[in-house]
PDB file of N, CA and C in Angstrom:
ATOM      1  N   MET A   1      59.921 107.274  64.591  1.00  0.00           N
ATOM      2  CA  MET A   1      60.224 106.529  65.786  1.00  0.00           C
ATOM      3  C   MET A   1      61.699 106.126  65.818  1.00  0.00           C
ATOM      4  N   LYS A   2      62.290 105.720  64.675  1.00  0.00           N
ATOM      5  CA  LYS A   2      63.691 105.320  64.636  1.00  0.00           C
ATOM      6  C   LYS A   2      64.606 106.495  64.945  1.00  0.00           C
ATOM      7  N   LYS A   3      64.232 107.701  64.507  1.00  0.00           N
ATOM      8  CA  LYS A   3      65.070 108.866  64.781  1.00  0.00           C
ATOM      9  C   LYS A   3      65.182 109.115  66.273  1.00  0.00           C
ATOM     10  N   ILE A   4      64.099 108.939  66.995  1.00  0.00           N
ATOM     11  CA  ILE A   4      64.124 109.151  68.432  1.00  0.00           C
ATOM     12  C   ILE A   4      64.996 108.093  69.106  1.00  0.00           C
ATOM     13  N   SER A   5      64.886 106.865  68.710  1.00  0.00           N
ATOM     14  CA  SER A   5      65.682 105.783  69.307  1.00  0.00           C
ATOM     15  C   SER A   5      67.162 105.987  69.057  1.00  0.00           C
ATOM     16  N   ILE A   6      67.526 106.358  67.850  1.00  0.00           N
ATOM     17  CA  ILE A   6      68.934 106.594  67.517  1.00  0.00           C
ATOM     18  C   ILE A   6      69.457 107.796  68.278  1.00  0.00           C
ATOM     19  N   LEU A   7      68.657 108.852  68.366  1.00  0.00           N
ATOM     20  CA  LEU A   7      69.063 110.045  69.093  1.00  0.00           C
ATOM     21  C   LEU A   7      69.238 109.722  70.577  1.00  0.00           C
ATOM     22  N   THR A   8      68.324 108.980  71.145  1.00  0.00           N
ATOM     23  CA  THR A   8      68.422 108.578  72.549  1.00  0.00           C
ATOM     24  C   THR A   8      69.679 107.757  72.777  1.00  0.00           C
ATOM     25  N   LEU A   9      69.972 106.827  71.909  1.00  0.00           N
ATOM     26  CA  LEU A   9      71.158 105.994  72.016  1.00  0.00           C
ATOM     27  C   LEU A   9      72.428 106.841  71.937  1.00  0.00           C
ATOM     28  N   ALA A  10      72.464 107.797  71.026  1.00  0.00           N
ATOM     29  CA  ALA A  10      73.632 108.658  70.861  1.00  0.00           C
ATOM     30  C   ALA A  10      73.880 109.506  72.101  1.00  0.00           C
ATOM     31  N   VAL A  11      72.815 109.925  72.763  1.00  0.00           N
ATOM     32  CA  VAL A  11      72.947 110.746  73.963  1.00  0.00           C
ATOM     33  C   VAL A  11      73.379 109.893  75.161  1.00  0.00           C
ATOM     34  N   LEU A  12      72.874 108.684  75.268  1.00  0.00           N
ATOM     35  CA  LEU A  12      73.146 107.837  76.428  1.00  0.00           C
ATOM     36  C   LEU A  12      74.477 107.107  76.371  1.00  0.00           C
ATOM     37  N   MET A  13      75.046 106.887  75.210  1.00  0.00           N
ATOM     38  CA  MET A  13      76.290 106.110  75.102  1.00  0.00           C
ATOM     39  C   MET A  13      77.441 106.709  75.902  1.00  0.00           C
ATOM     40  N   PRO A  14      77.713 108.026  75.832  1.00  0.00           N
ATOM     41  CA  PRO A  14      78.813 108.559  76.647  1.00  0.00           C
ATOM     42  C   PRO A  14      78.562 108.399  78.144  1.00  0.00           C
ATOM     43  N   VAL A  15      77.302 108.528  78.572  1.00  0.00           N
ATOM     44  CA  VAL A  15      76.966 108.359  79.976  1.00  0.00           C
ATOM     45  C   VAL A  15      77.228 106.918  80.406  1.00  0.00           C
ATOM     46  N   CYS A  16      76.834 105.966  79.592  1.00  0.00           N
ATOM     47  CA  CYS A  16      77.063 104.547  79.898  1.00  0.00           C
ATOM     48  C   CYS A  16      78.556 104.241  79.983  1.00  0.00           C
ATOM     49  N   GLY A  17      79.340 104.842  79.119  1.00  0.00           N
ATOM     50  CA  GLY A  17      80.788 104.630  79.153  1.00  0.00           C
ATOM     51  C   GLY A  17      81.394 105.138  80.440  1.00  0.00           C
ATOM     52  N   ALA A  18      80.941 106.288  80.921  1.00  0.00           N
ATOM     53  CA  ALA A  18      81.451 106.831  82.178  1.00  0.00           C
ATOM     54  C   ALA A  18      81.065 105.939  83.351  1.00  0.00           C
ATOM     55  N   ILE A  19      79.838 105.445  83.351  1.00  0.00           N
ATOM     56  CA  ILE A  19      79.389 104.571  84.423  1.00  0.00           C
ATOM     57  C   ILE A  19      80.166 103.261  84.400  1.00  0.00           C
ATOM     58  N   ALA A  20      80.477 102.766  83.237  1.00  0.00           N
ATOM     59  CA  ALA A  20      81.179 101.486  83.112  1.00  0.00           C
ATOM     60  C   ALA A  20      82.669 101.595  83.401  1.00  0.00           C
ATOM     61  N   GLY A  21      83.172 102.793  83.672  1.00  0.00           N
ATOM     62  CA  GLY A  21      84.577 102.929  84.035  1.00  0.00           C
ATOM     63  C   GLY A  21      85.378 103.744  83.048  1.00  0.00           C
ATOM     64  N   GLY A  22      84.734 104.536  82.227  1.00  0.00           N
ATOM     65  CA  GLY A  22      85.440 105.362  81.269  1.00  0.00           C
ATOM     66  C   GLY A  22      86.147 106.534  81.909  1.00  0.00           C
ATOM     67  N   ASN A  23      85.801 106.866  83.143  1.00  0.00           N
ATOM     68  CA  ASN A  23      86.473 107.960  83.831  1.00  0.00           C
ATOM     69  C   ASN A  23      87.446 107.400  84.851  1.00  0.00           C
ATOM     70  N   LYS A  24      88.366 108.250  85.340  1.00  0.00           N
ATOM     71  CA  LYS A  24      89.299 107.809  86.375  1.00  0.00           C
ATOM     72  C   LYS A  24      88.624 107.976  87.725  1.00  0.00           C
ATOM     73  N   SER A  25      88.465 106.898  88.426  1.00  0.00           N
ATOM     74  CA  SER A  25      87.927 106.947  89.775  1.00  0.00           C
ATOM     75  C   SER A  25      88.881 106.195  90.686  1.00  0.00           C
ATOM     76  N   MET A  26      88.626 106.259  91.991  1.00  0.00           N
ATOM     77  CA  MET A  26      89.490 105.555  92.925  1.00  0.00           C
ATOM     78  C   MET A  26      89.517 104.064  92.657  1.00  0.00           C
ATOM     79  N   ASN A  27      88.477 103.522  92.060  1.00  0.00           N
ATOM     80  CA  ASN A  27      88.416 102.094  91.835  1.00  0.00           C
ATOM     81  C   ASN A  27      89.274 101.621  90.675  1.00  0.00           C
ATOM     82  N   ASN A  28      89.601 102.498  89.729  1.00  0.00           N
ATOM     83  CA  ASN A  28      90.315 102.007  88.550  1.00  0.00           C
ATOM     84  C   ASN A  28      91.581 102.777  88.216  1.00  0.00           C
ATOM     85  N   LYS A  29      92.011 103.699  89.025  1.00  0.00           N
ATOM     86  CA  LYS A  29      93.160 104.520  88.667  1.00  0.00           C
ATOM     87  C   LYS A  29      94.474 103.743  88.655  1.00  0.00           C
ATOM     88  N   ASN A  30      94.642 102.801  89.553  1.00  0.00           N
ATOM     89  CA  ASN A  30      95.924 102.105  89.659  1.00  0.00           C
ATOM     90  C   ASN A  30      96.058 100.916  88.730  1.00  0.00           C
ATOM     91  N   VAL A  31      95.219 100.820  87.732  1.00  0.00           N
ATOM     92  CA  VAL A  31      95.394  99.764  86.742  1.00  0.00           C
ATOM     93  C   VAL A  31      96.548 100.128  85.829  1.00  0.00           C
ATOM     94  N   ILE A  32      97.083  99.163  85.146  1.00  0.00           N
ATOM     95  CA  ILE A  32      98.185  99.404  84.225  1.00  0.00           C
ATOM     96  C   ILE A  32      97.626  99.919  82.898  1.00  0.00           C
ATOM     97  N   HIS A  33      98.146 101.041  82.430  1.00  0.00           N
ATOM     98  CA  HIS A  33      97.743 101.619  81.154  1.00  0.00           C
ATOM     99  C   HIS A  33      98.917 101.552  80.195  1.00  0.00           C
ATOM    100  N   GLN A  34      98.811 100.761  79.171  1.00  0.00           N
ATOM    101  CA  GLN A  34      99.848 100.607  78.156  1.00  0.00           C
ATOM    102  C   GLN A  34     101.208 100.311  78.784  1.00  0.00           C
ATOM    103  N   GLY A  35     101.223  99.418  79.774  1.00  0.00           N
ATOM    104  CA  GLY A  35     102.472  98.980  80.379  1.00  0.00           C
ATOM    105  C   GLY A  35     102.995  99.843  81.501  1.00  0.00           C
ATOM    106  N   ALA A  36     102.346 100.968  81.834  1.00  0.00           N
ATOM    107  CA  ALA A  36     102.827 101.851  82.888  1.00  0.00           C
ATOM    108  C   ALA A  36     101.730 102.076  83.927  1.00  0.00           C
ATOM    109  N   PRO A  37     102.075 102.065  85.224  1.00  0.00           N
ATOM    110  CA  PRO A  37     101.052 102.311  86.246  1.00  0.00           C
ATOM    111  C   PRO A  37     100.622 103.769  86.239  1.00  0.00           C
ATOM    112  N   VAL A  38      99.448 104.024  86.743  1.00  0.00           N
ATOM    113  CA  VAL A  38      98.955 105.383  86.944  1.00  0.00           C
ATOM    114  C   VAL A  38      99.189 105.703  88.418  1.00  0.00           C
ATOM    115  N   TYR A  39      99.841 106.825  88.695  1.00  0.00           N
ATOM    116  CA  TYR A  39     100.283 107.144  90.045  1.00  0.00           C
ATOM    117  C   TYR A  39      99.297 108.043  90.787  1.00  0.00           C
ATOM    118  N   TRP A  40      99.184 107.820  92.108  1.00  0.00           N
ATOM    119  CA  TRP A  40      98.443 108.696  92.999  1.00  0.00           C
ATOM    120  C   TRP A  40      99.426 109.701  93.575  1.00  0.00           C
ATOM    121  N   SER A  41      98.985 110.918  93.809  1.00  0.00           N
ATOM    122  CA  SER A  41      99.820 111.925  94.465  1.00  0.00           C
ATOM    123  C   SER A  41      99.572 111.879  95.976  1.00  0.00           C
ATOM    124  N   VAL A  42     100.476 112.479  96.727  1.00  0.00           N
ATOM    125  CA  VAL A  42     100.301 112.570  98.176  1.00  0.00           C
ATOM    126  C   VAL A  42      98.989 113.284  98.494  1.00  0.00           C
ATOM    127  N   ALA A  43      98.702 114.372  97.790  1.00  0.00           N
ATOM    128  CA  ALA A  43      97.472 115.131  98.043  1.00  0.00           C
ATOM    129  C   ALA A  43      96.225 114.273  97.842  1.00  0.00           C
ATOM    130  N   GLU A  44      96.243 113.377  96.865  1.00  0.00           N
ATOM    131  CA  GLU A  44      95.101 112.497  96.618  1.00  0.00           C
ATOM    132  C   GLU A  44      94.988 111.413  97.688  1.00  0.00           C
ATOM    133  N   VAL A  45      96.121 110.871  98.085  1.00  0.00           N
ATOM    134  CA  VAL A  45      96.162 109.748  99.017  1.00  0.00           C
ATOM    135  C   VAL A  45      95.649 110.137 100.405  1.00  0.00           C
ATOM    136  N   ILE A  46      95.893 111.365 100.808  1.00  0.00           N
ATOM    137  CA  ILE A  46      95.509 111.834 102.146  1.00  0.00           C
ATOM    138  C   ILE A  46      94.030 111.587 102.436  1.00  0.00           C
ATOM    139  N   ASN A  47      93.168 111.719 101.443  1.00  0.00           N
ATOM    140  CA  ASN A  47      91.721 111.598 101.653  1.00  0.00           C
ATOM    141  C   ASN A  47      91.144 110.231 101.300  1.00  0.00           C
ATOM    142  N   MET A  48      91.986 109.263 100.993  1.00  0.00           N
ATOM    143  CA  MET A  48      91.495 107.936 100.610  1.00  0.00           C
ATOM    144  C   MET A  48      91.120 107.105 101.826  1.00  0.00           C
ATOM    145  N   PRO A  49      90.217 106.145 101.632  1.00  0.00           N
ATOM    146  CA  PRO A  49      89.849 105.244 102.725  1.00  0.00           C
ATOM    147  C   PRO A  49      90.984 104.283 103.085  1.00  0.00           C
ATOM    148  N   ASP A  50      90.909 103.762 104.295  1.00  0.00           N
ATOM    149  CA  ASP A  50      91.867 102.782 104.788  1.00  0.00           C
ATOM    150  C   ASP A  50      91.947 101.575 103.850  1.00  0.00           C
ATOM    151  N   ASN A  51      93.139 101.062 103.658  1.00  0.00           N
ATOM    152  CA  ASN A  51      93.432  99.864 102.857  1.00  0.00           C
ATOM    153  C   ASN A  51      93.292 100.047 101.350  1.00  0.00           C
ATOM    154  N   THR A  52      93.147 101.278 100.862  1.00  0.00           N
ATOM    155  CA  THR A  52      93.097 101.511  99.422  1.00  0.00           C
ATOM    156  C   THR A  52      94.480 101.251  98.830  1.00  0.00           C
ATOM    157  N   PRO A  53      94.602 100.389  97.810  1.00  0.00           N
ATOM    158  CA  PRO A  53      95.910 100.168  97.183  1.00  0.00           C
ATOM    159  C   PRO A  53      96.335 101.402  96.384  1.00  0.00           C
ATOM    160  N   VAL A  54      97.623 101.724  96.468  1.00  0.00           N
ATOM    161  CA  VAL A  54      98.152 102.895  95.763  1.00  0.00           C
ATOM    162  C   VAL A  54      99.495 102.584  95.122  1.00  0.00           C
ATOM    163  N   VAL A  55      99.790 103.320  94.059  1.00  0.00           N
ATOM    164  CA  VAL A  55     101.108 103.343  93.440  1.00  0.00           C
ATOM    165  C   VAL A  55     101.501 104.810  93.397  1.00  0.00           C
ATOM    166  N   MET A  56     102.682 105.127  93.938  1.00  0.00           N
ATOM    167  CA  MET A  56     103.105 106.524  94.042  1.00  0.00           C
ATOM    168  C   MET A  56     104.504 106.701  93.470  1.00  0.00           C
ATOM    169  N   LEU A  57     104.755 107.885  92.909  1.00  0.00           N
ATOM    170  CA  LEU A  57     106.055 108.211  92.322  1.00  0.00           C
ATOM    171  C   LEU A  57     106.601 109.446  93.028  1.00  0.00           C
ATOM    172  N   GLY A  58     107.801 109.316  93.600  1.00  0.00           N
ATOM    173  CA  GLY A  58     108.402 110.443  94.306  1.00  0.00           C
ATOM    174  C   GLY A  58     109.721 110.046  94.931  1.00  0.00           C
ATOM    175  N   ARG A  59     110.082 110.769  95.996  1.00  0.00           N
ATOM    176  CA  ARG A  59     111.366 110.535  96.650  1.00  0.00           C
ATOM    177  C   ARG A  59     111.166 110.211  98.127  1.00  0.00           C
ATOM    178  N   ILE A  60     111.964 109.301  98.634  1.00  0.00           N
ATOM    179  CA  ILE A  60     111.997 109.012 100.066  1.00  0.00           C
ATOM    180  C   ILE A  60     113.100 109.896 100.628  1.00  0.00           C
ATOM    181  N   THR A  61     112.687 110.939 101.359  1.00  0.00           N
ATOM    182  CA  THR A  61     113.625 111.999 101.707  1.00  0.00           C
ATOM    183  C   THR A  61     114.252 111.894 103.091  1.00  0.00           C
ATOM    184  N   LYS A  62     113.625 111.105 103.994  1.00  0.00           N
ATOM    185  CA  LYS A  62     114.168 111.069 105.347  1.00  0.00           C
ATOM    186  C   LYS A  62     113.795 109.768 106.047  1.00  0.00           C
ATOM    187  N   ASN A  63     114.757 109.209 106.774  1.00  0.00           N
ATOM    188  CA  ASN A  63     114.539 108.041 107.619  1.00  0.00           C
ATOM    189  C   ASN A  63     114.217 108.539 109.018  1.00  0.00           C
ATOM    190  N   MET A  64     113.006 108.237 109.506  1.00  0.00           N
ATOM    191  CA  MET A  64     112.572 108.699 110.818  1.00  0.00           C
ATOM    192  C   MET A  64     112.849 107.654 111.903  1.00  0.00           C
ATOM    193  N   GLY A  65     113.401 106.499 111.512  1.00  0.00           N
ATOM    194  CA  GLY A  65     113.676 105.427 112.464  1.00  0.00           C
ATOM    195  C   GLY A  65     112.478 104.504 112.607  1.00  0.00           C
ATOM    196  N   GLU A  66     112.727 103.303 113.121  1.00  0.00           N
ATOM    197  CA  GLU A  66     111.683 102.304 113.355  1.00  0.00           C
ATOM    198  C   GLU A  66     110.813 102.061 112.122  1.00  0.00           C
ATOM    199  N   GLU A  67     111.451 101.925 110.960  1.00  0.00           N
ATOM    200  CA  GLU A  67     110.797 101.606 109.681  1.00  0.00           C
ATOM    201  C   GLU A  67     109.866 102.706 109.164  1.00  0.00           C
ATOM    202  N   MET A  68     109.998 103.929 109.669  1.00  0.00           N
ATOM    203  CA  MET A  68     109.166 105.045 109.200  1.00  0.00           C
ATOM    204  C   MET A  68     110.032 106.010 108.384  1.00  0.00           C
ATOM    205  N   PHE A  69     109.489 106.419 107.212  1.00  0.00           N
ATOM    206  CA  PHE A  69     110.206 107.271 106.282  1.00  0.00           C
ATOM    207  C   PHE A  69     109.284 108.375 105.773  1.00  0.00           C
ATOM    208  N   VAL A  70     109.881 109.489 105.377  1.00  0.00           N
ATOM    209  CA  VAL A  70     109.130 110.584 104.768  1.00  0.00           C
ATOM    210  C   VAL A  70     109.217 110.425 103.254  1.00  0.00           C
ATOM    211  N   PHE A  71     108.060 110.436 102.604  1.00  0.00           N
ATOM    212  CA  PHE A  71     107.957 110.354 101.145  1.00  0.00           C
ATOM    213  C   PHE A  71     107.461 111.696 100.645  1.00  0.00           C
ATOM    214  N   GLU A  72     108.022 112.153  99.518  1.00  0.00           N
ATOM    215  CA  GLU A  72     107.678 113.468  98.983  1.00  0.00           C
ATOM    216  C   GLU A  72     107.436 113.399  97.480  1.00  0.00           C
ATOM    217  N   ASP A  73     106.380 114.089  97.045  1.00  0.00           N
ATOM    218  CA  ASP A  73     106.181 114.336  95.614  1.00  0.00           C
ATOM    219  C   ASP A  73     105.846 115.814  95.459  1.00  0.00           C
ATOM    220  N   SER A  74     105.478 116.237  94.279  1.00  0.00           N
ATOM    221  CA  SER A  74     105.241 117.665  94.038  1.00  0.00           C
ATOM    222  C   SER A  74     104.034 118.211  94.790  1.00  0.00           C
ATOM    223  N   SER A  75     103.177 117.326  95.336  1.00  0.00           N
ATOM    224  CA  SER A  75     101.975 117.788  96.029  1.00  0.00           C
ATOM    225  C   SER A  75     102.106 117.800  97.549  1.00  0.00           C
ATOM    226  N   GLY A  76     103.190 117.229  98.096  1.00  0.00           N
ATOM    227  CA  GLY A  76     103.353 117.228  99.542  1.00  0.00           C
ATOM    228  C   GLY A  76     104.159 116.058 100.055  1.00  0.00           C
ATOM    229  N   THR A  77     104.052 115.805 101.369  1.00  0.00           N
ATOM    230  CA  THR A  77     104.780 114.725 102.010  1.00  0.00           C
ATOM    231  C   THR A  77     103.821 113.833 102.795  1.00  0.00           C
ATOM    232  N   ILE A  78     104.233 112.587 102.996  1.00  0.00           N
ATOM    233  CA  ILE A  78     103.449 111.627 103.772  1.00  0.00           C
ATOM    234  C   ILE A  78     104.416 110.632 104.403  1.00  0.00           C
ATOM    235  N   MET A  79     104.039 110.103 105.553  1.00  0.00           N
ATOM    236  CA  MET A  79     104.850 109.088 106.216  1.00  0.00           C
ATOM    237  C   MET A  79     104.571 107.727 105.591  1.00  0.00           C
ATOM    238  N   MET A  80     105.640 106.927 105.485  1.00  0.00           N
ATOM    239  CA  MET A  80     105.521 105.575 104.953  1.00  0.00           C
ATOM    240  C   MET A  80     106.198 104.600 105.895  1.00  0.00           C
ATOM    241  N   GLN A  81     105.525 103.468 106.117  1.00  0.00           N
ATOM    242  CA  GLN A  81     106.138 102.376 106.873  1.00  0.00           C
ATOM    243  C   GLN A  81     106.747 101.418 105.861  1.00  0.00           C
ATOM    244  N   ILE A  82     108.072 101.279 105.917  1.00  0.00           N
ATOM    245  CA  ILE A  82     108.787 100.418 104.975  1.00  0.00           C
ATOM    246  C   ILE A  82     109.596  99.408 105.780  1.00  0.00           C
ATOM    247  N   GLU A  83     109.181  98.154 105.717  1.00  0.00           N
ATOM    248  CA  GLU A  83     109.885  97.095 106.423  1.00  0.00           C
ATOM    249  C   GLU A  83     111.102  96.655 105.611  1.00  0.00           C
ATOM    250  N   GLU A  84     112.043  96.032 106.283  1.00  0.00           N
ATOM    251  CA  GLU A  84     113.311  95.603 105.665  1.00  0.00           C
ATOM    252  C   GLU A  84     113.100  94.858 104.345  1.00  0.00           C
ATOM    253  N   GLU A  85     112.186  93.894 104.311  1.00  0.00           N
ATOM    254  CA  GLU A  85     111.973  93.090 103.105  1.00  0.00           C
ATOM    255  C   GLU A  85     111.327  93.878 101.965  1.00  0.00           C
ATOM    256  N   ASP A  86     110.680  94.998 102.267  1.00  0.00           N
ATOM    257  CA  ASP A  86     110.042  95.816 101.225  1.00  0.00           C
ATOM    258  C   ASP A  86     111.062  96.516 100.317  1.00  0.00           C
ATOM    259  N   TRP A  87     112.290  96.666 100.805  1.00  0.00           N
ATOM    260  CA  TRP A  87     113.337  97.308 100.018  1.00  0.00           C
ATOM    261  C   TRP A  87     113.865  96.389  98.919  1.00  0.00           C
ATOM    262  N   ASN A  88     113.636  95.106  99.034  1.00  0.00           N
ATOM    263  CA  ASN A  88     114.108  94.128  98.042  1.00  0.00           C
ATOM    264  C   ASN A  88     115.607  94.255  97.782  1.00  0.00           C
ATOM    265  N   GLY A  89     116.383  94.544  98.830  1.00  0.00           N
ATOM    266  CA  GLY A  89     117.827  94.665  98.714  1.00  0.00           C
ATOM    267  C   GLY A  89     118.312  95.963  98.098  1.00  0.00           C
ATOM    268  N   ARG A  90     117.415  96.876  97.792  1.00  0.00           N
ATOM    269  CA  ARG A  90     117.789  98.148  97.154  1.00  0.00           C
ATOM    270  C   ARG A  90     118.201  99.183  98.192  1.00  0.00           C
ATOM    271  N   THR A  91     119.116 100.040  97.784  1.00  0.00           N
ATOM    272  CA  THR A  91     119.421 101.236  98.567  1.00  0.00           C
ATOM    273  C   THR A  91     118.942 102.426  97.752  1.00  0.00           C
ATOM    274  N   VAL A  92     118.407 103.409  98.440  1.00  0.00           N
ATOM    275  CA  VAL A  92     117.813 104.573  97.772  1.00  0.00           C
ATOM    276  C   VAL A  92     118.319 105.829  98.444  1.00  0.00           C
ATOM    277  N   THR A  93     118.721 106.817  97.655  1.00  0.00           N
ATOM    278  CA  THR A  93     119.105 108.110  98.203  1.00  0.00           C
ATOM    279  C   THR A  93     117.936 109.077  98.087  1.00  0.00           C
ATOM    280  N   ALA A  94     118.020 110.171  98.824  1.00  0.00           N
ATOM    281  CA  ALA A  94     116.942 111.175  98.822  1.00  0.00           C
ATOM    282  C   ALA A  94     116.779 111.853  97.466  1.00  0.00           C
ATOM    283  N   ASP A  95     117.775 111.745  96.593  1.00  0.00           N
ATOM    284  CA  ASP A  95     117.698 112.365  95.264  1.00  0.00           C
ATOM    285  C   ASP A  95     117.044 111.467  94.220  1.00  0.00           C
ATOM    286  N   GLU A  96     116.893 110.183  94.517  1.00  0.00           N
ATOM    287  CA  GLU A  96     116.365 109.229  93.535  1.00  0.00           C
ATOM    288  C   GLU A  96     114.843 109.183  93.553  1.00  0.00           C
ATOM    289  N   VAL A  97     114.260 109.165  92.356  1.00  0.00           N
ATOM    290  CA  VAL A  97     112.815 109.009  92.224  1.00  0.00           C
ATOM    291  C   VAL A  97     112.504 107.513  92.202  1.00  0.00           C
ATOM    292  N   VAL A  98     111.544 107.106  93.024  1.00  0.00           N
ATOM    293  CA  VAL A  98     111.174 105.704  93.129  1.00  0.00           C
ATOM    294  C   VAL A  98     109.666 105.536  92.936  1.00  0.00           C
ATOM    295  N   THR A  99     109.274 104.323  92.588  1.00  0.00           N
ATOM    296  CA  THR A  99     107.869 103.953  92.535  1.00  0.00           C
ATOM    297  C   THR A  99     107.589 103.109  93.769  1.00  0.00           C
ATOM    298  N   VAL A 100     106.563 103.489  94.506  1.00  0.00           N
ATOM    299  CA  VAL A 100     106.196 102.802  95.733  1.00  0.00           C
ATOM    300  C   VAL A 100     104.831 102.146  95.537  1.00  0.00           C
ATOM    301  N   TYR A 101     104.759 100.869  95.838  1.00  0.00           N
ATOM    302  CA  TYR A 101     103.506 100.109  95.810  1.00  0.00           C
ATOM    303  C   TYR A 101     103.108  99.832  97.252  1.00  0.00           C
ATOM    304  N   GLY A 102     101.883 100.155  97.606  1.00  0.00           N
ATOM    305  CA  GLY A 102     101.448  99.921  98.973  1.00  0.00           C
ATOM    306  C   GLY A 102      99.961 100.154  99.132  1.00  0.00           C
ATOM    307  N   HIS A 103      99.563 100.459 100.365  1.00  0.00           N
ATOM    308  CA  HIS A 103      98.160 100.757 100.621  1.00  0.00           C
ATOM    309  C   HIS A 103      98.045 101.788 101.747  1.00  0.00           C
ATOM    310  N   VAL A 104      96.909 102.479 101.743  1.00  0.00           N
ATOM    311  CA  VAL A 104      96.639 103.521 102.726  1.00  0.00           C
ATOM    312  C   VAL A 104      96.421 102.871 104.090  1.00  0.00           C
ATOM    313  N   ASP A 105      97.023 103.485 105.115  1.00  0.00           N
ATOM    314  CA  ASP A 105      96.857 103.026 106.492  1.00  0.00           C
ATOM    315  C   ASP A 105      96.360 104.209 107.318  1.00  0.00           C
ATOM    316  N   LYS A 106      95.079 104.173 107.707  1.00  0.00           N
ATOM    317  CA  LYS A 106      94.465 105.254 108.487  1.00  0.00           C
ATOM    318  C   LYS A 106      94.497 104.899 109.970  1.00  0.00           C
ATOM    319  N   ASN A 107      94.986 105.827 110.766  1.00  0.00           N
ATOM    320  CA  ASN A 107      94.967 105.710 112.230  1.00  0.00           C
ATOM    321  C   ASN A 107      94.363 107.006 112.761  1.00  0.00           C
ATOM    322  N   GLY A 108      93.041 106.999 112.944  1.00  0.00           N
ATOM    323  CA  GLY A 108      92.363 108.233 113.349  1.00  0.00           C
ATOM    324  C   GLY A 108      92.453 109.254 112.241  1.00  0.00           C
ATOM    325  N   ASN A 109      93.007 110.426 112.553  1.00  0.00           N
ATOM    326  CA  ASN A 109      93.164 111.482 111.554  1.00  0.00           C
ATOM    327  C   ASN A 109      94.498 111.430 110.828  1.00  0.00           C
ATOM    328  N   VAL A 110      95.318 110.421 111.125  1.00  0.00           N
ATOM    329  CA  VAL A 110      96.643 110.289 110.520  1.00  0.00           C
ATOM    330  C   VAL A 110      96.574 109.302 109.359  1.00  0.00           C
ATOM    331  N   THR A 111      97.082 109.727 108.210  1.00  0.00           N
ATOM    332  CA  THR A 111      97.152 108.858 107.038  1.00  0.00           C
ATOM    333  C   THR A 111      98.609 108.565 106.734  1.00  0.00           C
ATOM    334  N   GLU A 112      98.925 107.289 106.611  1.00  0.00           N
ATOM    335  CA  GLU A 112     100.263 106.841 106.238  1.00  0.00           C
ATOM    336  C   GLU A 112     100.119 105.827 105.117  1.00  0.00           C
ATOM    337  N   ILE A 113     101.238 105.450 104.525  1.00  0.00           N
ATOM    338  CA  ILE A 113     101.259 104.404 103.515  1.00  0.00           C
ATOM    339  C   ILE A 113     102.038 103.224 104.077  1.00  0.00           C
ATOM    340  N   GLU A 114     101.434 102.055 104.024  1.00  0.00           N
ATOM    341  CA  GLU A 114     102.142 100.830 104.366  1.00  0.00           C
ATOM    342  C   GLU A 114     102.662 100.260 103.052  1.00  0.00           C
ATOM    343  N   VAL A 115     103.970 100.225 102.909  1.00  0.00           N
ATOM    344  CA  VAL A 115     104.621  99.879 101.648  1.00  0.00           C
ATOM    345  C   VAL A 115     104.705  98.367 101.482  1.00  0.00           C
ATOM    346  N   ASP A 116     104.434  97.911 100.242  1.00  0.00           N
ATOM    347  CA  ASP A 116     104.599  96.512  99.882  1.00  0.00           C
ATOM    348  C   ASP A 116     105.904  96.293  99.134  1.00  0.00           C
ATOM    349  N   SER A 117     106.269  97.243  98.254  1.00  0.00           N
ATOM    350  CA  SER A 117     107.541  97.144  97.523  1.00  0.00           C
ATOM    351  C   SER A 117     107.923  98.503  96.947  1.00  0.00           C
ATOM    352  N   ILE A 118     109.220  98.609  96.620  1.00  0.00           N
ATOM    353  CA  ILE A 118     109.786  99.840  96.055  1.00  0.00           C
ATOM    354  C   ILE A 118     110.564  99.462  94.801  1.00  0.00           C
ATOM    355  N   MET A 119     110.410 100.260  93.750  1.00  0.00           N
ATOM    356  CA  MET A 119     111.144 100.059  92.511  1.00  0.00           C
ATOM    357  C   MET A 119     111.862 101.352  92.155  1.00  0.00           C
ATOM    358  N   LYS A 120     113.093 101.215  91.634  1.00  0.00           N
ATOM    359  CA  LYS A 120     113.832 102.384  91.143  1.00  0.00           C
ATOM    360  C   LYS A 120     113.511 102.612  89.704  1.00  0.00           C
TER     361      LYS A 120
END
């Protein structure tokens, strides 16, 4: 009887770990791991629900006017709304890689990022 219980426990432990958050899911990806954030790519962000918090690493390549900017990483491009105070006094060139903290903003079939802050 003990052999069966131990065997059952050994088989179920990895499953329990995955259910408890051992895998990367949308709910836990943006947590800090050993002092560094885990980044979402543009390709991943496109399919996320409205208001999902994200941290992204890439370049702001173009100013479209009226607080709208094009953000680019290796997986694609996405529009970002960046208000004056979100820059925190920083200037950024299209060649600089930045970390963007924000959340997904869905408007129908259009996905954008509403930026909270930018770090160089």
